[in-house]
């Protein structure tokens, strides 16, 4: 067998091996695209209208909340992330890690932060009952998720 024939066989084997690796990697790439369709961290629920009479009591304020859910298996550090309404009211997450497959409820009123409940320590309502938009941004100011409710373009004539 000649040296050039051996070199061609080695090259053909290397190309075939490379093709097999590429084929095996295709399903992983397709799966990665699925992962990007659903946000890792999202606004999963909003209770904008505090049940009962709105008395501005701490109990009533804390019945207004936004839930943030981590859909991944890994914890996400929310330090420096923000949650805003349409009027520019802002809550900043401070030194908080959201566990994988976990949800935290961000209440409007005052309270003691736990791993499942955080408090904005406000004395007035944040979320408009009829229409508003909650925006979650990461520590770099990039929008991670938004949730809107109500008819924002309703005009009476």
Protein backbone atom coordinates (compact mmCIF):
# COMPACT_ATOMS: atom_id res chain seq x y z
CA UNK A 1 0.00 0.00 0.00
CA UNK A 2 1.42 3.37 -0.96
CA UNK A 3 1.88 6.34 1.37
CA UNK A 4 -0.63 8.43 -0.61
CA UNK A 5 -3.23 5.67 -0.37
CA UNK A 6 -2.72 5.47 3.40
CA UNK A 7 -3.02 9.26 3.71
CA UNK A 8 -6.29 9.21 1.76
CA UNK A 9 -7.72 6.49 4.02
CA UNK A 10 -6.73 8.44 7.15
CA UNK A 11 -8.28 11.62 5.73
CA UNK A 12 -11.48 9.76 4.76
CA UNK A 13 -11.71 8.22 8.25
CA UNK A 14 -11.22 11.64 9.88
CA UNK A 15 -13.92 13.19 7.67
CA UNK A 16 -16.34 10.37 8.44
CA UNK A 17 -15.69 10.73 12.17
CA UNK A 18 -16.28 14.48 11.93
CA UNK A 19 -19.55 13.91 10.11
CA UNK A 20 -20.70 11.48 12.82
CA UNK A 21 -19.90 14.03 15.56
CA UNK A 22 -21.89 16.70 13.67
CA UNK A 23 -24.89 14.40 13.29
CA UNK A 24 -24.80 13.50 16.98
CA UNK A 25 -24.71 17.19 17.93
CA UNK A 26 -27.82 18.11 15.91
CA UNK A 27 -30.41 16.97 18.47
CA UNK A 28 -28.61 18.93 21.21
CA UNK A 29 -28.72 22.09 19.09
CA UNK A 30 -32.41 21.63 18.39
CA UNK A 31 -33.01 21.15 22.13
CA UNK A 32 -31.07 24.36 22.90
CA UNK A 33 -33.47 26.29 20.64
CA UNK A 34 -36.43 24.94 22.64
CA UNK A 35 -34.78 26.14 25.85
CA UNK A 36 -34.57 29.69 24.49
CA UNK A 37 -38.27 29.81 23.55
CA UNK A 38 -39.36 29.70 27.20
CA UNK A 39 -37.64 32.29 29.39
CA UNK A 40 -35.48 30.93 32.18
CA UNK A 41 -36.92 33.55 34.51
CA UNK A 42 -40.37 34.97 33.86
CA UNK A 43 -43.24 36.91 35.34
CA UNK A 44 -45.59 33.99 35.94
CA UNK A 45 -48.57 35.61 37.71
CA UNK A 46 -49.81 39.07 38.71
CA UNK A 47 -52.38 39.98 41.37
CA UNK A 48 -52.83 43.67 40.56
CA UNK A 49 -56.23 44.11 42.21
CA UNK A 50 -56.01 43.52 45.94
CA UNK A 51 -59.11 41.50 46.95
CA UNK A 52 -61.72 43.37 48.99
CA UNK A 53 -61.74 47.08 49.75
CA UNK A 54 -58.49 48.89 49.02
CA UNK A 55 -57.73 50.41 52.41
CA UNK A 56 -53.99 50.94 51.99
CA UNK A 57 -53.51 48.74 55.05
CA UNK A 58 -50.39 46.62 54.96
CA UNK A 59 -52.58 43.52 54.61
CA UNK A 60 -54.31 45.01 51.56
CA UNK A 61 -51.02 46.21 50.05
CA UNK A 62 -49.48 42.75 50.43
CA UNK A 63 -52.45 41.17 48.64
CA UNK A 64 -51.11 42.97 45.53
CA UNK A 65 -48.14 41.01 44.15
CA UNK A 66 -46.15 39.73 41.18
CA UNK A 67 -44.73 36.20 40.97
CA UNK A 68 -41.36 35.57 39.36
CA UNK A 69 -40.58 31.97 38.35
CA UNK A 70 -37.25 30.34 37.49
CA UNK A 71 -38.00 27.63 34.90
CA UNK A 72 -34.46 26.27 34.81
CA UNK A 73 -32.94 23.64 37.07
CA UNK A 74 -30.23 26.01 38.27
CA UNK A 75 -30.46 28.90 40.72
CA UNK A 76 -30.39 32.41 39.23
CA UNK A 77 -28.85 35.37 41.05
CA UNK A 78 -31.40 38.22 40.82
CA UNK A 79 -29.12 40.74 42.59
CA UNK A 80 -29.54 44.07 40.79
CA UNK A 81 -32.57 42.94 38.75
CA UNK A 82 -35.59 45.26 38.69
CA UNK A 83 -39.35 44.97 38.49
CA UNK A 84 -41.16 48.09 37.18
CA UNK A 85 -44.67 49.24 36.42
CA UNK A 86 -45.80 51.56 33.60
CA UNK A 87 -45.50 54.63 35.85
CA UNK A 88 -41.83 53.93 36.59
CA UNK A 89 -42.22 52.56 40.13
CA UNK A 90 -39.26 50.24 40.59
CA UNK A 91 -38.38 47.40 42.94
CA UNK A 92 -34.72 46.33 42.97
CA UNK A 93 -33.78 42.80 43.99
CA UNK A 94 -30.97 42.93 46.54
CA UNK A 95 -28.80 39.88 47.27
CA UNK A 96 -31.45 37.33 46.27
CA UNK A 97 -30.98 33.94 44.57
CA UNK A 98 -34.03 32.27 43.06
CA UNK A 99 -33.66 28.50 43.28
CA UNK A 100 -34.17 26.29 40.26
CA UNK A 101 -37.81 25.48 39.47
CA UNK A 102 -38.88 27.97 42.17
CA UNK A 103 -41.18 30.98 42.41
CA UNK A 104 -40.94 34.11 44.52
CA UNK A 105 -43.85 36.46 45.21
CA UNK A 106 -43.00 40.18 45.32
CA UNK A 107 -45.56 41.95 47.55
CA UNK A 108 -46.20 45.69 47.47
CA UNK A 109 -46.39 46.33 51.23
CA UNK A 110 -44.05 45.83 54.16
CA UNK A 111 -42.85 42.51 55.52
CA UNK A 112 -39.90 40.27 56.30
CA UNK A 113 -38.24 38.83 53.19
CA UNK A 114 -38.08 35.04 52.91
CA UNK A 115 -36.98 32.75 50.10
CA UNK A 116 -40.59 32.62 48.78
CA UNK A 117 -41.84 36.14 49.58
CA UNK A 118 -40.18 39.53 49.08
CA UNK A 119 -41.60 42.92 50.09
CA UNK A 120 -41.27 46.31 48.38
CA UNK A 121 -41.97 48.10 51.71
CA UNK A 122 -44.33 50.60 50.07
CA UNK A 123 -47.24 52.40 51.67
CA UNK A 124 -49.23 52.84 48.45
CA UNK A 125 -50.39 50.54 45.65
CA UNK A 126 -48.11 50.05 42.64
CA UNK A 127 -50.08 48.03 40.09
CA UNK A 128 -53.03 49.60 38.29
CA UNK A 129 -56.08 47.33 38.62
CA UNK A 130 -57.44 48.04 35.13
CA UNK A 131 -54.33 48.22 32.99
CA UNK A 132 -50.60 48.20 33.57
CA UNK A 133 -47.39 46.53 32.47
CA UNK A 134 -44.89 44.72 34.70
CA UNK A 135 -41.34 44.66 33.31
CA UNK A 136 -38.57 42.45 34.69
CA UNK A 137 -35.02 43.51 33.78
CA UNK A 138 -31.72 41.85 34.58
CA UNK A 139 -28.74 43.53 36.28
CA UNK A 140 -27.55 44.86 32.90
CA UNK A 141 -30.90 46.55 32.20
CA UNK A 142 -31.99 44.03 29.55
CA UNK A 143 -35.68 43.16 29.52
CA UNK A 144 -36.16 39.55 30.62
CA UNK A 145 -39.97 39.44 30.56
CA UNK A 146 -43.07 41.64 30.53
CA UNK A 147 -46.67 41.06 31.50
CA UNK A 148 -49.46 43.45 30.48
CA UNK A 149 -53.12 43.52 31.38
CA UNK A 150 -56.07 45.68 30.38
CA UNK A 151 -56.77 47.56 27.20
CA UNK A 152 -53.95 50.06 26.77
CA UNK A 153 -55.33 51.55 23.53
CA UNK A 154 -58.94 52.10 24.50
CA UNK A 155 -60.19 55.55 23.45
CA UNK A 156 -63.64 57.02 24.10
CA UNK A 157 -65.04 59.49 21.63
